Amino acid sequence: MIYHVNRIKLKADAPSAQVEEALESLRNQGRQVSSVKSFVVGRDHGADFDWGATYVIEDLDGLWEYLTHPATLNSDKVGLPVVERLDIFDISDDEDPELAAKIEELHRRRNELSPETHEMLADVPAYLGAGLEDDPKN
């Protein structure tokens, strides 16, 4: 299993209506992406983040479906403009020593197929996650 985690710190001036739209879009991902086995979108407790979203996905094929699904791309479109800091990481019980590189490659391929998403991620003031290896912030 792969637990795909997003931790989100909002911009101080993020309009509340746009924040609500982004949160609902994150929830919609969990409902619409068939490879998502379970998910949670809620307040992040214990660090300097406002919100978090975790999606439980069975394997790399499912992660690819999740990354390229229109519901995920919509969340990027409506949510990334209001994000000040974004940490994205994956936790897995898969023993494959190459798993991290495979996940990184999926993110890289997704950003290659969706240059708009890549640009929006690059514009997030503080981003930590896969897929922007050519970005000096990452």
C-alpha atoms as a PDB file:
ATOM      1  CA  MET A   1       0.000   0.000   0.000  1.00  0.00           C
ATOM      2  CA  ILE A   2       1.028   3.573  -0.650  1.00  0.00           C
ATOM      3  CA  TYR A   3      -0.122   6.353   1.647  1.00  0.00           C
ATOM      4  CA  HIS A   4       0.076   9.566  -0.384  1.00  0.00           C
ATOM      5  CA  VAL A   5       0.223  12.508   2.032  1.00  0.00           C
ATOM      6  CA  ASN A   6      -0.257  16.232   1.372  1.00  0.00           C
ATOM      7  CA  ARG A   7       0.408  18.825   4.097  1.00  0.00           C
ATOM      8  CA  ILE A   8      -0.818  22.324   3.306  1.00  0.00           C
ATOM      9  CA  LYS A   9      -0.110  25.780   4.735  1.00  0.00           C
ATOM     10  CA  LEU A  10      -2.423  28.390   3.223  1.00  0.00           C
ATOM     11  CA  LYS A  11      -1.434  31.888   2.175  1.00  0.00           C
ATOM     12  CA  ALA A  12      -2.503  34.432   4.802  1.00  0.00           C
ATOM     13  CA  ASP A  13      -4.674  36.240   2.260  1.00  0.00           C
ATOM     14  CA  ALA A  14      -6.277  33.110   0.755  1.00  0.00           C
ATOM     15  CA  PRO A  15      -9.962  33.861   0.051  1.00  0.00           C
ATOM     16  CA  SER A  16     -12.154  31.598   2.185  1.00  0.00           C
ATOM     17  CA  ALA A  17     -14.386  30.664  -0.766  1.00  0.00           C
ATOM     18  CA  GLN A  18     -11.366  29.481  -2.764  1.00  0.00           C
ATOM     19  CA  VAL A  19     -10.050  27.536   0.241  1.00  0.00           C
ATOM     20  CA  GLU A  20     -13.410  25.787   0.643  1.00  0.00           C
ATOM     21  CA  GLU A  21     -13.471  24.983  -3.077  1.00  0.00           C
ATOM     22  CA  ALA A  22      -9.967  23.507  -2.840  1.00  0.00           C
ATOM     23  CA  LEU A  23     -10.836  21.387   0.218  1.00  0.00           C
ATOM     24  CA  GLU A  24     -13.964  20.059  -1.439  1.00  0.00           C
ATOM     25  CA  SER A  25     -11.922  19.230  -4.528  1.00  0.00           C
ATOM     26  CA  LEU A  26      -9.471  17.256  -2.363  1.00  0.00           C
ATOM     27  CA  ARG A  27     -12.397  15.306  -0.893  1.00  0.00           C
ATOM     28  CA  ASN A  28     -13.767  14.769  -4.372  1.00  0.00           C
ATOM     29  CA  GLN A  29     -10.477  13.132  -5.393  1.00  0.00           C
ATOM     30  CA  GLY A  30     -11.020  10.500  -2.742  1.00  0.00           C
ATOM     31  CA  ARG A  31     -14.542   9.883  -3.964  1.00  0.00           C
ATOM     32  CA  GLN A  32     -13.837   9.885  -7.709  1.00  0.00           C
ATOM     33  CA  VAL A  33     -10.434   8.229  -8.180  1.00  0.00           C
ATOM     34  CA  SER A  34     -11.158   4.502  -8.241  1.00  0.00           C
ATOM     35  CA  SER A  35      -7.662   3.521  -7.076  1.00  0.00           C
ATOM     36  CA  VAL A  36      -8.126   5.422  -3.797  1.00  0.00           C
ATOM     37  CA  LYS A  37      -9.093   2.792  -1.222  1.00  0.00           C
ATOM     38  CA  SER A  38      -9.670   5.299   1.585  1.00  0.00           C
ATOM     39  CA  PHE A  39      -8.840   8.909   2.330  1.00  0.00           C
ATOM     40  CA  VAL A  40      -9.021  11.701   4.862  1.00  0.00           C
ATOM     41  CA  VAL A  41      -9.011  15.462   4.353  1.00  0.00           C
ATOM     42  CA  GLY A  42      -8.849  17.501   7.533  1.00  0.00           C
ATOM     43  CA  ARG A  43      -7.017  19.859   9.832  1.00  0.00           C
ATOM     44  CA  ASP A  44      -3.318  19.159  10.299  1.00  0.00           C
ATOM     45  CA  HIS A  45      -2.359  18.936  13.970  1.00  0.00           C
ATOM     46  CA  GLY A  46       1.170  18.960  15.263  1.00  0.00           C
ATOM     47  CA  ALA A  47       3.089  21.176  12.829  1.00  0.00           C
ATOM     48  CA  ASP A  48       2.911  24.506  11.037  1.00  0.00           C
ATOM     49  CA  PHE A  49       0.354  23.333   8.473  1.00  0.00           C
ATOM     50  CA  ASP A  50      -3.330  24.150   8.224  1.00  0.00           C
ATOM     51  CA  TRP A  51      -4.737  21.154   6.334  1.00  0.00           C
ATOM     52  CA  GLY A  52      -3.764  17.674   5.300  1.00  0.00           C
ATOM     53  CA  ALA A  53      -4.985  15.034   2.900  1.00  0.00           C
ATOM     54  CA  THR A  54      -3.983  11.376   2.837  1.00  0.00           C
ATOM     55  CA  TYR A  55      -4.981   8.905   0.134  1.00  0.00           C
ATOM     56  CA  VAL A  56      -4.493   5.151   0.516  1.00  0.00           C
ATOM     57  CA  ILE A  57      -3.584   3.601  -2.830  1.00  0.00           C
ATOM     58  CA  GLU A  58      -2.794  -0.052  -3.487  1.00  0.00           C
ATOM     59  CA  ASP A  59       0.134   0.161  -5.922  1.00  0.00           C
ATOM     60  CA  LEU A  60       2.076   2.211  -8.474  1.00  0.00           C
ATOM     61  CA  ASP A  61      -0.560   1.748 -11.172  1.00  0.00           C
ATOM     62  CA  GLY A  62      -3.115   3.177  -8.768  1.00  0.00           C
ATOM     63  CA  LEU A  63      -0.808   6.068  -7.894  1.00  0.00           C
ATOM     64  CA  TRP A  64      -0.463   6.858 -11.595  1.00  0.00           C
ATOM     65  CA  GLU A  65      -4.250   6.863 -11.973  1.00  0.00           C
ATOM     66  CA  TYR A  66      -4.514   9.174  -8.954  1.00  0.00           C
ATOM     67  CA  LEU A  67      -1.815  11.576 -10.203  1.00  0.00           C
ATOM     68  CA  THR A  68      -3.321  11.922 -13.674  1.00  0.00           C
ATOM     69  CA  HIS A  69      -7.017  11.810 -12.816  1.00  0.00           C
ATOM     70  CA  PRO A  70      -9.048  14.915 -13.764  1.00  0.00           C
ATOM     71  CA  ALA A  71     -10.203  15.246 -10.137  1.00  0.00           C
ATOM     72  CA  THR A  72      -6.574  15.508  -8.959  1.00  0.00           C
ATOM     73  CA  LEU A  73      -5.696  17.967 -11.716  1.00  0.00           C
ATOM     74  CA  ASN A  74      -8.697  20.067 -10.686  1.00  0.00           C
ATOM     75  CA  SER A  75      -7.434  20.196  -7.094  1.00  0.00           C
ATOM     76  CA  ASP A  76      -4.094  21.437  -8.395  1.00  0.00           C
ATOM     77  CA  LYS A  77      -5.830  24.104 -10.466  1.00  0.00           C
ATOM     78  CA  VAL A  78      -8.084  25.451  -7.703  1.00  0.00           C
ATOM     79  CA  GLY A  79      -5.850  24.769  -4.705  1.00  0.00           C
ATOM     80  CA  LEU A  80      -2.240  25.513  -5.572  1.00  0.00           C
ATOM     81  CA  PRO A  81      -2.785  29.266  -6.061  1.00  0.00           C
ATOM     82  CA  VAL A  82      -3.767  29.636  -2.362  1.00  0.00           C
ATOM     83  CA  VAL A  83      -0.941  27.494  -0.953  1.00  0.00           C
ATOM     84  CA  GLU A  84       2.046  29.034   0.829  1.00  0.00           C
ATOM     85  CA  ARG A  85       3.739  25.758   1.754  1.00  0.00           C
ATOM     86  CA  LEU A  86       3.131  22.248   0.476  1.00  0.00           C
ATOM     87  CA  ASP A  87       4.826  19.037   1.542  1.00  0.00           C
ATOM     88  CA  ILE A  88       3.945  15.900  -0.397  1.00  0.00           C
ATOM     89  CA  PHE A  89       5.351  12.498   0.501  1.00  0.00           C
ATOM     90  CA  ASP A  90       4.524   8.815   0.302  1.00  0.00           C
ATOM     91  CA  ILE A  91       4.699   6.121   2.966  1.00  0.00           C
ATOM     92  CA  SER A  92       4.603   2.478   1.951  1.00  0.00           C
ATOM     93  CA  ASP A  93       4.975  -1.006   3.349  1.00  0.00           C
ATOM     94  CA  ASP A  94       6.303  -2.170  -0.045  1.00  0.00           C
ATOM     95  CA  GLU A  95       9.821  -3.577   0.415  1.00  0.00           C
ATOM     96  CA  ASP A  96      10.977  -2.683  -3.125  1.00  0.00           C
ATOM     97  CA  PRO A  97      14.268  -0.767  -2.691  1.00  0.00           C
ATOM     98  CA  GLU A  98      13.521   1.094  -5.932  1.00  0.00           C
ATOM     99  CA  LEU A  99      10.061   2.287  -4.852  1.00  0.00           C
ATOM    100  CA  ALA A 100      11.129   5.875  -4.104  1.00  0.00           C
ATOM    101  CA  ALA A 101      12.691   6.232  -7.557  1.00  0.00           C
ATOM    102  CA  LYS A 102       9.591   4.729  -9.179  1.00  0.00           C
ATOM    103  CA  ILE A 103       7.317   7.152  -7.351  1.00  0.00           C
ATOM    104  CA  GLU A 104       9.566  10.073  -8.306  1.00  0.00           C
ATOM    105  CA  GLU A 105       9.391   8.957 -11.938  1.00  0.00           C
ATOM    106  CA  LEU A 106       5.585   8.894 -11.844  1.00  0.00           C
ATOM    107  CA  HIS A 107       5.535  12.463 -10.544  1.00  0.00           C
ATOM    108  CA  ARG A 108       8.070  13.534 -13.159  1.00  0.00           C
ATOM    109  CA  ARG A 109       6.023  11.927 -15.956  1.00  0.00           C
ATOM    110  CA  ARG A 110       2.818  13.513 -14.678  1.00  0.00           C
ATOM    111  CA  ASN A 111       4.449  16.947 -14.651  1.00  0.00           C
ATOM    112  CA  GLU A 112       5.796  16.344 -18.154  1.00  0.00           C
ATOM    113  CA  LEU A 113       2.284  15.471 -19.362  1.00  0.00           C
ATOM    114  CA  SER A 114       0.778  18.423 -17.492  1.00  0.00           C
ATOM    115  CA  PRO A 115       3.141  21.412 -17.783  1.00  0.00           C
ATOM    116  CA  GLU A 116       0.458  23.631 -16.213  1.00  0.00           C
ATOM    117  CA  THR A 117       0.591  21.550 -13.017  1.00  0.00           C
ATOM    118  CA  HIS A 118       4.391  21.618 -13.052  1.00  0.00           C
ATOM    119  CA  GLU A 119       4.346  25.428 -13.314  1.00  0.00           C
ATOM    120  CA  MET A 120       1.797  25.774 -10.512  1.00  0.00           C
ATOM    121  CA  LEU A 121       3.884  23.534  -8.230  1.00  0.00           C
ATOM    122  CA  ALA A 122       7.003  25.529  -9.066  1.00  0.00           C
ATOM    123  CA  ASP A 123       5.118  28.719  -8.078  1.00  0.00           C
ATOM    124  CA  VAL A 124       4.297  27.449  -4.573  1.00  0.00           C
ATOM    125  CA  PRO A 125       6.634  29.494  -2.327  1.00  0.00           C
ATOM    126  CA  ALA A 126       7.721  26.466  -0.252  1.00  0.00           C
ATOM    127  CA  TYR A 127       7.289  23.065  -1.903  1.00  0.00           C
ATOM    128  CA  LEU A 128       8.806  19.795  -0.790  1.00  0.00           C
ATOM    129  CA  GLY A 129       7.917  16.774  -2.855  1.00  0.00           C
ATOM    130  CA  ALA A 130       8.526  14.718  -5.921  1.00  0.00           C
ATOM    131  CA  GLY A 131       8.601  15.879  -9.503  1.00  0.00           C
ATOM    132  CA  LEU A 132      10.482  19.189  -9.399  1.00  0.00           C
ATOM    133  CA  GLU A 133      14.056  17.953  -9.339  1.00  0.00           C
ATOM    134  CA  ASP A 134      15.120  20.781 -11.661  1.00  0.00           C
ATOM    135  CA  ASP A 135      13.716  23.440  -9.319  1.00  0.00           C
ATOM    136  CA  PRO A 136      16.306  24.998  -6.974  1.00  0.00           C
ATOM    137  CA  LYS A 137      13.675  25.322  -4.187  1.00  0.00           C
ATOM    138  CA  ASN A 138      13.182  21.565  -4.127  1.00  0.00           C
END
